[in-house]
Amino acid sequence: MNLIRLIYISTKNTLPEGEIFRIQEQARHNNARDDLTGVLLFNRTYFLQYLEGDREQVTRAFTVIAADTRHCKVNILHVADIAERSYPDWSMGLLDSASPSVRGVLNEVLPGGLFLPDNLTCESAIRVVQRTRSLHLTH
């Protein structure tokens, strides 16, 4: 299997209350079927998602994700081959940037701790994702 990781950021469209949990459930179902793992970080305005798995499956999933009307301005920050998964047990973790533990990570990594597209480089996105692996979250 040729494993890759893909990280993107997008702008959230207005979502009904509780929609973020429906997104997570849909992702869990699809990712379990397609042997994908990862995490979704969100705030009031943006999504930052990390996906990992077989190159073909990640590419196929991202094509569907990019066309989803619940977000826009989808921008790939990073794609790379990986030797092993960072989130082998997470079909789709969910991180709210307002939670104190995630805020701590953002404050360490991003200028002013602000989760904004202009603050995210490929390297900082990877650092955010790597530092969140040890957090307790819904996965």
N, C-alpha and C. Protein backbone atom coordinates (compact mmCIF):
# COMPACT_ATOMS: atom_id res chain seq x y z
N MET A 1 0.85 -1.18 0.00
CA MET A 1 0.00 0.00 0.00
C MET A 1 0.89 1.24 0.00
N ASN A 2 0.55 2.20 -0.84
CA ASN A 2 1.28 3.45 -0.94
C ASN A 2 0.58 4.50 -0.08
N LEU A 3 1.04 4.69 1.16
CA LEU A 3 0.40 5.62 2.09
C LEU A 3 0.80 7.06 1.81
N ILE A 4 -0.20 7.94 1.90
CA ILE A 4 0.06 9.38 1.82
C ILE A 4 -0.73 10.10 2.90
N ARG A 5 -0.33 11.35 3.13
CA ARG A 5 -1.14 12.24 3.96
C ARG A 5 -1.47 13.46 3.12
N LEU A 6 -2.64 14.00 3.38
CA LEU A 6 -3.10 15.20 2.69
C LEU A 6 -3.67 16.13 3.76
N ILE A 7 -3.26 17.39 3.73
CA ILE A 7 -3.78 18.39 4.66
C ILE A 7 -4.35 19.54 3.83
N TYR A 8 -5.58 19.92 4.16
CA TYR A 8 -6.17 21.06 3.47
C TYR A 8 -6.86 21.97 4.48
N ILE A 9 -7.08 23.21 4.06
CA ILE A 9 -7.88 24.16 4.83
C ILE A 9 -9.00 24.64 3.92
N SER A 10 -10.14 24.92 4.52
CA SER A 10 -11.27 25.44 3.75
C SER A 10 -12.07 26.39 4.62
N THR A 11 -12.91 27.17 3.97
CA THR A 11 -13.80 28.10 4.66
C THR A 11 -15.16 27.44 4.83
N LYS A 12 -15.64 27.40 6.07
CA LYS A 12 -16.95 26.81 6.35
C LYS A 12 -18.05 27.71 5.80
N ASN A 13 -19.03 27.09 5.19
CA ASN A 13 -20.27 27.80 4.89
C ASN A 13 -21.13 27.74 6.14
N THR A 14 -22.19 28.52 6.18
CA THR A 14 -23.09 28.49 7.33
C THR A 14 -23.67 27.09 7.48
N LEU A 15 -23.53 26.54 8.68
CA LEU A 15 -23.99 25.17 8.93
C LEU A 15 -25.11 25.17 9.96
N PRO A 16 -26.08 24.28 9.79
CA PRO A 16 -27.10 24.14 10.83
C PRO A 16 -26.47 23.63 12.13
N GLU A 17 -27.12 23.90 13.23
CA GLU A 17 -26.62 23.43 14.52
C GLU A 17 -26.44 21.91 14.50
N GLY A 18 -25.31 21.46 15.01
CA GLY A 18 -25.03 20.03 15.08
C GLY A 18 -24.47 19.44 13.80
N GLU A 19 -24.35 20.21 12.74
CA GLU A 19 -23.90 19.68 11.45
C GLU A 19 -22.46 19.15 11.53
N ILE A 20 -21.64 19.77 12.37
CA ILE A 20 -20.25 19.30 12.49
C ILE A 20 -20.21 17.83 12.93
N PHE A 21 -21.14 17.42 13.77
CA PHE A 21 -21.18 16.03 14.22
C PHE A 21 -21.69 15.10 13.12
N ARG A 22 -22.57 15.62 12.27
CA ARG A 22 -23.02 14.83 11.12
C ARG A 22 -21.87 14.65 10.11
N ILE A 23 -21.07 15.70 9.95
CA ILE A 23 -19.89 15.59 9.10
C ILE A 23 -18.95 14.52 9.64
N GLN A 24 -18.73 14.54 10.95
CA GLN A 24 -17.85 13.55 11.56
C GLN A 24 -18.38 12.14 11.36
N GLU A 25 -19.67 11.94 11.58
CA GLU A 25 -20.26 10.60 11.43
C GLU A 25 -20.17 10.11 9.99
N GLN A 26 -20.45 11.00 9.06
CA GLN A 26 -20.34 10.64 7.65
C GLN A 26 -18.90 10.28 7.31
N ALA A 27 -17.95 11.07 7.80
CA ALA A 27 -16.52 10.80 7.55
C ALA A 27 -16.11 9.47 8.17
N ARG A 28 -16.56 9.21 9.40
CA ARG A 28 -16.22 7.94 10.04
C ARG A 28 -16.71 6.75 9.22
N HIS A 29 -17.94 6.84 8.76
CA HIS A 29 -18.51 5.76 7.96
C HIS A 29 -17.70 5.56 6.67
N ASN A 30 -17.50 6.66 5.93
CA ASN A 30 -16.78 6.57 4.65
C ASN A 30 -15.33 6.17 4.86
N ASN A 31 -14.69 6.71 5.87
CA ASN A 31 -13.28 6.41 6.11
C ASN A 31 -13.06 4.97 6.54
N ALA A 32 -13.98 4.44 7.35
CA ALA A 32 -13.87 3.03 7.74
C ALA A 32 -13.99 2.14 6.51
N ARG A 33 -14.91 2.47 5.64
CA ARG A 33 -15.11 1.72 4.40
C ARG A 33 -13.87 1.78 3.50
N ASP A 34 -13.23 2.97 3.44
CA ASP A 34 -12.12 3.20 2.52
C ASP A 34 -10.74 3.08 3.17
N ASP A 35 -10.71 2.66 4.45
CA ASP A 35 -9.46 2.52 5.20
C ASP A 35 -8.65 3.81 5.26
N LEU A 36 -9.36 4.91 5.55
CA LEU A 36 -8.73 6.22 5.73
C LEU A 36 -8.79 6.59 7.21
N THR A 37 -7.83 7.37 7.65
CA THR A 37 -7.83 7.86 9.02
C THR A 37 -7.47 9.34 9.00
N GLY A 38 -7.71 10.02 10.12
CA GLY A 38 -7.35 11.43 10.17
C GLY A 38 -8.08 12.20 11.25
N VAL A 39 -8.01 13.51 11.11
CA VAL A 39 -8.59 14.42 12.10
C VAL A 39 -9.10 15.67 11.39
N LEU A 40 -10.17 16.24 11.95
CA LEU A 40 -10.75 17.49 11.44
C LEU A 40 -10.72 18.52 12.57
N LEU A 41 -9.99 19.59 12.34
CA LEU A 41 -9.92 20.72 13.28
C LEU A 41 -10.82 21.81 12.72
N PHE A 42 -11.60 22.44 13.60
CA PHE A 42 -12.51 23.48 13.10
C PHE A 42 -12.61 24.63 14.09
N ASN A 43 -12.97 25.78 13.55
CA ASN A 43 -13.37 26.92 14.37
C ASN A 43 -14.63 27.50 13.73
N ARG A 44 -15.00 28.69 14.09
CA ARG A 44 -16.25 29.26 13.57
C ARG A 44 -16.22 29.48 12.06
N THR A 45 -15.02 29.60 11.49
CA THR A 45 -14.90 29.99 10.09
C THR A 45 -14.23 28.95 9.20
N TYR A 46 -13.32 28.16 9.75
CA TYR A 46 -12.48 27.30 8.91
C TYR A 46 -12.47 25.83 9.36
N PHE A 47 -12.14 24.97 8.39
CA PHE A 47 -11.81 23.58 8.63
C PHE A 47 -10.34 23.39 8.28
N LEU A 48 -9.66 22.57 9.05
CA LEU A 48 -8.33 22.08 8.70
C LEU A 48 -8.42 20.57 8.84
N GLN A 49 -8.24 19.85 7.74
CA GLN A 49 -8.38 18.40 7.80
C GLN A 49 -7.09 17.72 7.37
N TYR A 50 -6.78 16.66 8.10
CA TYR A 50 -5.63 15.79 7.82
C TYR A 50 -6.21 14.42 7.48
N LEU A 51 -5.89 13.91 6.29
CA LEU A 51 -6.34 12.59 5.85
C LEU A 51 -5.11 11.74 5.55
N GLU A 52 -5.18 10.46 5.87
CA GLU A 52 -4.09 9.56 5.53
C GLU A 52 -4.65 8.21 5.10
N GLY A 53 -3.93 7.58 4.21
CA GLY A 53 -4.34 6.28 3.70
C GLY A 53 -3.72 6.02 2.35
N ASP A 54 -4.25 5.03 1.65
CA ASP A 54 -3.78 4.69 0.32
C ASP A 54 -3.96 5.88 -0.62
N ARG A 55 -2.97 6.13 -1.45
CA ARG A 55 -2.99 7.31 -2.35
C ARG A 55 -4.29 7.39 -3.15
N GLU A 56 -4.70 6.31 -3.74
CA GLU A 56 -5.91 6.32 -4.57
C GLU A 56 -7.15 6.64 -3.74
N GLN A 57 -7.24 6.06 -2.55
CA GLN A 57 -8.41 6.31 -1.68
C GLN A 57 -8.43 7.74 -1.16
N VAL A 58 -7.27 8.27 -0.78
CA VAL A 58 -7.22 9.66 -0.31
C VAL A 58 -7.61 10.61 -1.44
N THR A 59 -7.09 10.35 -2.62
CA THR A 59 -7.41 11.20 -3.77
C THR A 59 -8.90 11.16 -4.07
N ARG A 60 -9.48 9.97 -4.05
CA ARG A 60 -10.91 9.82 -4.31
C ARG A 60 -11.73 10.54 -3.23
N ALA A 61 -11.35 10.36 -1.96
CA ALA A 61 -12.08 11.02 -0.87
C ALA A 61 -11.97 12.54 -0.97
N PHE A 62 -10.77 13.02 -1.27
CA PHE A 62 -10.59 14.47 -1.35
C PHE A 62 -11.40 15.07 -2.49
N THR A 63 -11.54 14.36 -3.58
CA THR A 63 -12.36 14.85 -4.70
C THR A 63 -13.80 15.07 -4.24
N VAL A 64 -14.32 14.14 -3.46
CA VAL A 64 -15.68 14.27 -2.92
C VAL A 64 -15.74 15.41 -1.90
N ILE A 65 -14.76 15.45 -1.00
CA ILE A 65 -14.71 16.49 0.03
C ILE A 65 -14.65 17.88 -0.59
N ALA A 66 -13.82 18.06 -1.60
CA ALA A 66 -13.65 19.38 -2.22
C ALA A 66 -14.94 19.88 -2.85
N ALA A 67 -15.80 18.95 -3.29
CA ALA A 67 -17.07 19.34 -3.93
C ALA A 67 -18.20 19.54 -2.92
N ASP A 68 -17.97 19.25 -1.65
CA ASP A 68 -19.01 19.37 -0.63
C ASP A 68 -19.40 20.83 -0.45
N THR A 69 -20.69 21.11 -0.47
CA THR A 69 -21.18 22.49 -0.38
C THR A 69 -21.15 23.06 1.03
N ARG A 70 -20.75 22.27 2.01
CA ARG A 70 -20.69 22.79 3.38
C ARG A 70 -19.43 23.62 3.62
N HIS A 71 -18.57 23.69 2.60
CA HIS A 71 -17.40 24.55 2.69
C HIS A 71 -17.01 25.04 1.30
N CYS A 72 -16.10 26.01 1.26
CA CYS A 72 -15.62 26.56 0.00
C CYS A 72 -14.15 26.97 0.18
N LYS A 73 -13.56 27.49 -0.86
CA LYS A 73 -12.16 27.94 -0.82
C LYS A 73 -11.26 26.84 -0.26
N VAL A 74 -11.38 25.66 -0.81
CA VAL A 74 -10.60 24.50 -0.38
C VAL A 74 -9.18 24.65 -0.93
N ASN A 75 -8.20 24.60 -0.03
CA ASN A 75 -6.81 24.81 -0.41
C ASN A 75 -5.93 23.71 0.18
N ILE A 76 -5.31 22.93 -0.69
CA ILE A 76 -4.40 21.88 -0.21
C ILE A 76 -3.12 22.54 0.29
N LEU A 77 -2.75 22.22 1.54
CA LEU A 77 -1.53 22.75 2.13
C LEU A 77 -0.35 21.79 1.97
N HIS A 78 -0.67 20.48 1.91
CA HIS A 78 0.42 19.50 1.94
C HIS A 78 -0.07 18.15 1.46
N VAL A 79 0.75 17.48 0.66
CA VAL A 79 0.54 16.09 0.28
C VAL A 79 1.92 15.44 0.27
N ALA A 80 2.04 14.29 0.91
CA ALA A 80 3.34 13.61 0.94
C ALA A 80 3.16 12.12 1.21
N ASP A 81 4.12 11.34 0.73
CA ASP A 81 4.18 9.92 1.08
C ASP A 81 4.55 9.80 2.55
N ILE A 82 4.01 8.79 3.21
CA ILE A 82 4.35 8.54 4.61
C ILE A 82 4.65 7.05 4.79
N ALA A 83 5.49 6.75 5.76
CA ALA A 83 5.85 5.35 6.03
C ALA A 83 4.79 4.66 6.87
N GLU A 84 4.16 5.43 7.78
CA GLU A 84 3.12 4.87 8.64
C GLU A 84 2.11 5.95 8.99
N ARG A 85 0.97 5.52 9.47
CA ARG A 85 -0.10 6.45 9.84
C ARG A 85 0.20 7.14 11.17
N SER A 86 -0.21 8.38 11.25
CA SER A 86 -0.14 9.11 12.52
C SER A 86 -1.37 8.85 13.37
N TYR A 87 -2.50 8.54 12.73
CA TYR A 87 -3.77 8.34 13.41
C TYR A 87 -4.36 6.97 13.07
N PRO A 88 -3.66 5.88 13.35
CA PRO A 88 -4.14 4.57 12.92
C PRO A 88 -5.48 4.16 13.52
N ASP A 89 -5.83 4.72 14.67
CA ASP A 89 -7.08 4.33 15.34
C ASP A 89 -8.20 5.36 15.20
N TRP A 90 -7.98 6.41 14.45
CA TRP A 90 -8.96 7.48 14.33
C TRP A 90 -9.57 7.48 12.94
N SER A 91 -10.78 6.95 12.80
CA SER A 91 -11.44 7.02 11.49
C SER A 91 -11.69 8.48 11.13
N MET A 92 -11.99 9.30 12.13
CA MET A 92 -12.04 10.75 11.96
C MET A 92 -12.18 11.41 13.31
N GLY A 93 -11.05 11.91 13.81
CA GLY A 93 -11.06 12.67 15.05
C GLY A 93 -11.64 14.05 14.79
N LEU A 94 -12.16 14.67 15.82
CA LEU A 94 -12.78 15.99 15.70
C LEU A 94 -12.21 16.88 16.80
N LEU A 95 -11.65 18.02 16.40
CA LEU A 95 -11.05 18.95 17.35
C LEU A 95 -11.66 20.33 17.19
N ASP A 96 -12.21 20.86 18.27
CA ASP A 96 -12.76 22.21 18.29
C ASP A 96 -11.65 23.16 18.73
N SER A 97 -11.33 24.14 17.91
CA SER A 97 -10.23 25.05 18.24
C SER A 97 -10.51 25.89 19.47
N ALA A 98 -11.75 25.91 19.93
CA ALA A 98 -12.09 26.67 21.14
C ALA A 98 -11.80 25.89 22.43
N SER A 99 -11.54 24.59 22.32
CA SER A 99 -11.27 23.81 23.53
C SER A 99 -9.91 24.22 24.10
N PRO A 100 -9.78 24.25 25.42
CA PRO A 100 -8.53 24.71 26.04
C PRO A 100 -7.29 23.94 25.58
N SER A 101 -7.38 22.63 25.42
CA SER A 101 -6.21 21.86 25.02
C SER A 101 -5.79 22.18 23.58
N VAL A 102 -6.75 22.36 22.70
CA VAL A 102 -6.43 22.72 21.31
C VAL A 102 -5.92 24.15 21.26
N ARG A 103 -6.53 25.05 22.05
CA ARG A 103 -6.05 26.44 22.11
C ARG A 103 -4.58 26.48 22.49
N GLY A 104 -4.20 25.62 23.45
CA GLY A 104 -2.80 25.56 23.86
C GLY A 104 -1.88 25.19 22.72
N VAL A 105 -2.28 24.20 21.93
CA VAL A 105 -1.48 23.81 20.76
C VAL A 105 -1.40 24.96 19.76
N LEU A 106 -2.53 25.57 19.47
CA LEU A 106 -2.54 26.68 18.50
C LEU A 106 -1.67 27.84 18.97
N ASN A 107 -1.71 28.14 20.27
CA ASN A 107 -0.89 29.22 20.81
C ASN A 107 0.60 28.92 20.68
N GLU A 108 0.97 27.65 20.80
CA GLU A 108 2.38 27.25 20.66
C GLU A 108 2.87 27.33 19.22
N VAL A 109 1.99 27.04 18.26
CA VAL A 109 2.42 26.84 16.88
C VAL A 109 2.14 28.03 15.97
N LEU A 110 1.00 28.68 16.12
CA LEU A 110 0.57 29.71 15.17
C LEU A 110 0.75 31.11 15.73
N PRO A 111 1.07 32.07 14.87
CA PRO A 111 1.20 33.46 15.31
C PRO A 111 -0.08 33.94 16.00
N GLY A 112 0.06 34.36 17.24
CA GLY A 112 -1.09 34.82 18.01
C GLY A 112 -2.08 33.72 18.33
N GLY A 113 -1.73 32.47 18.04
CA GLY A 113 -2.63 31.35 18.29
C GLY A 113 -3.86 31.36 17.40
N LEU A 114 -3.80 32.13 16.32
CA LEU A 114 -4.97 32.29 15.45
C LEU A 114 -4.98 31.26 14.33
N PHE A 115 -6.07 30.54 14.24
CA PHE A 115 -6.29 29.51 13.24
C PHE A 115 -6.91 30.17 12.01
N LEU A 116 -6.04 30.75 11.17
CA LEU A 116 -6.46 31.47 9.96
C LEU A 116 -5.62 30.98 8.78
N PRO A 117 -6.17 31.00 7.58
CA PRO A 117 -5.38 30.54 6.42
C PRO A 117 -4.04 31.26 6.28
N ASP A 118 -4.01 32.55 6.54
CA ASP A 118 -2.77 33.31 6.40
C ASP A 118 -1.70 32.91 7.42
N ASN A 119 -2.11 32.29 8.52
CA ASN A 119 -1.17 31.85 9.55
C ASN A 119 -0.66 30.44 9.34
N LEU A 120 -1.27 29.71 8.41
CA LEU A 120 -0.93 28.30 8.22
C LEU A 120 -0.03 28.10 7.00
N THR A 121 1.15 27.58 7.27
CA THR A 121 2.03 27.10 6.22
C THR A 121 1.94 25.58 6.24
N CYS A 122 2.54 24.96 5.30
CA CYS A 122 2.60 23.50 5.30
C CYS A 122 3.22 23.01 6.61
N GLU A 123 4.33 23.61 7.02
CA GLU A 123 5.03 23.18 8.22
C GLU A 123 4.21 23.40 9.48
N SER A 124 3.57 24.56 9.59
CA SER A 124 2.80 24.82 10.81
C SER A 124 1.55 23.93 10.87
N ALA A 125 0.94 23.64 9.72
CA ALA A 125 -0.21 22.73 9.71
C ALA A 125 0.20 21.34 10.18
N ILE A 126 1.35 20.87 9.73
CA ILE A 126 1.86 19.56 10.17
C ILE A 126 2.12 19.58 11.67
N ARG A 127 2.73 20.65 12.18
CA ARG A 127 3.01 20.74 13.63
C ARG A 127 1.72 20.75 14.44
N VAL A 128 0.72 21.49 13.98
CA VAL A 128 -0.57 21.52 14.70
C VAL A 128 -1.13 20.11 14.77
N VAL A 129 -1.17 19.44 13.63
CA VAL A 129 -1.75 18.10 13.57
C VAL A 129 -0.95 17.13 14.44
N GLN A 130 0.37 17.17 14.36
CA GLN A 130 1.19 16.25 15.15
C GLN A 130 1.01 16.48 16.65
N ARG A 131 0.90 17.73 17.06
CA ARG A 131 0.75 18.02 18.50
C ARG A 131 -0.63 17.70 19.03
N THR A 132 -1.60 17.55 18.17
CA THR A 132 -2.95 17.21 18.64
C THR A 132 -3.14 15.71 18.82
N ARG A 133 -2.22 14.90 18.36
CA ARG A 133 -2.38 13.44 18.44
C ARG A 133 -2.59 12.95 19.86
N SER A 134 -1.98 13.61 20.84
CA SER A 134 -2.08 13.14 22.21
C SER A 134 -3.31 13.68 22.96
N LEU A 135 -4.07 14.56 22.32
CA LEU A 135 -5.23 15.15 22.98
C LEU A 135 -6.37 14.15 23.04
N HIS A 136 -7.18 14.27 24.07
CA HIS A 136 -8.37 13.44 24.19
C HIS A 136 -9.49 14.10 23.41
N LEU A 137 -10.03 13.36 22.48
CA LEU A 137 -11.07 13.91 21.63
C LEU A 137 -12.00 12.80 21.19
N THR A 138 -13.03 13.22 20.48
CA THR A 138 -13.99 12.26 19.94
C THR A 138 -13.38 11.68 18.67
N HIS A 139 -13.11 10.37 18.68
CA HIS A 139 -12.56 9.76 17.46
C HIS A 139 -13.18 8.41 17.20
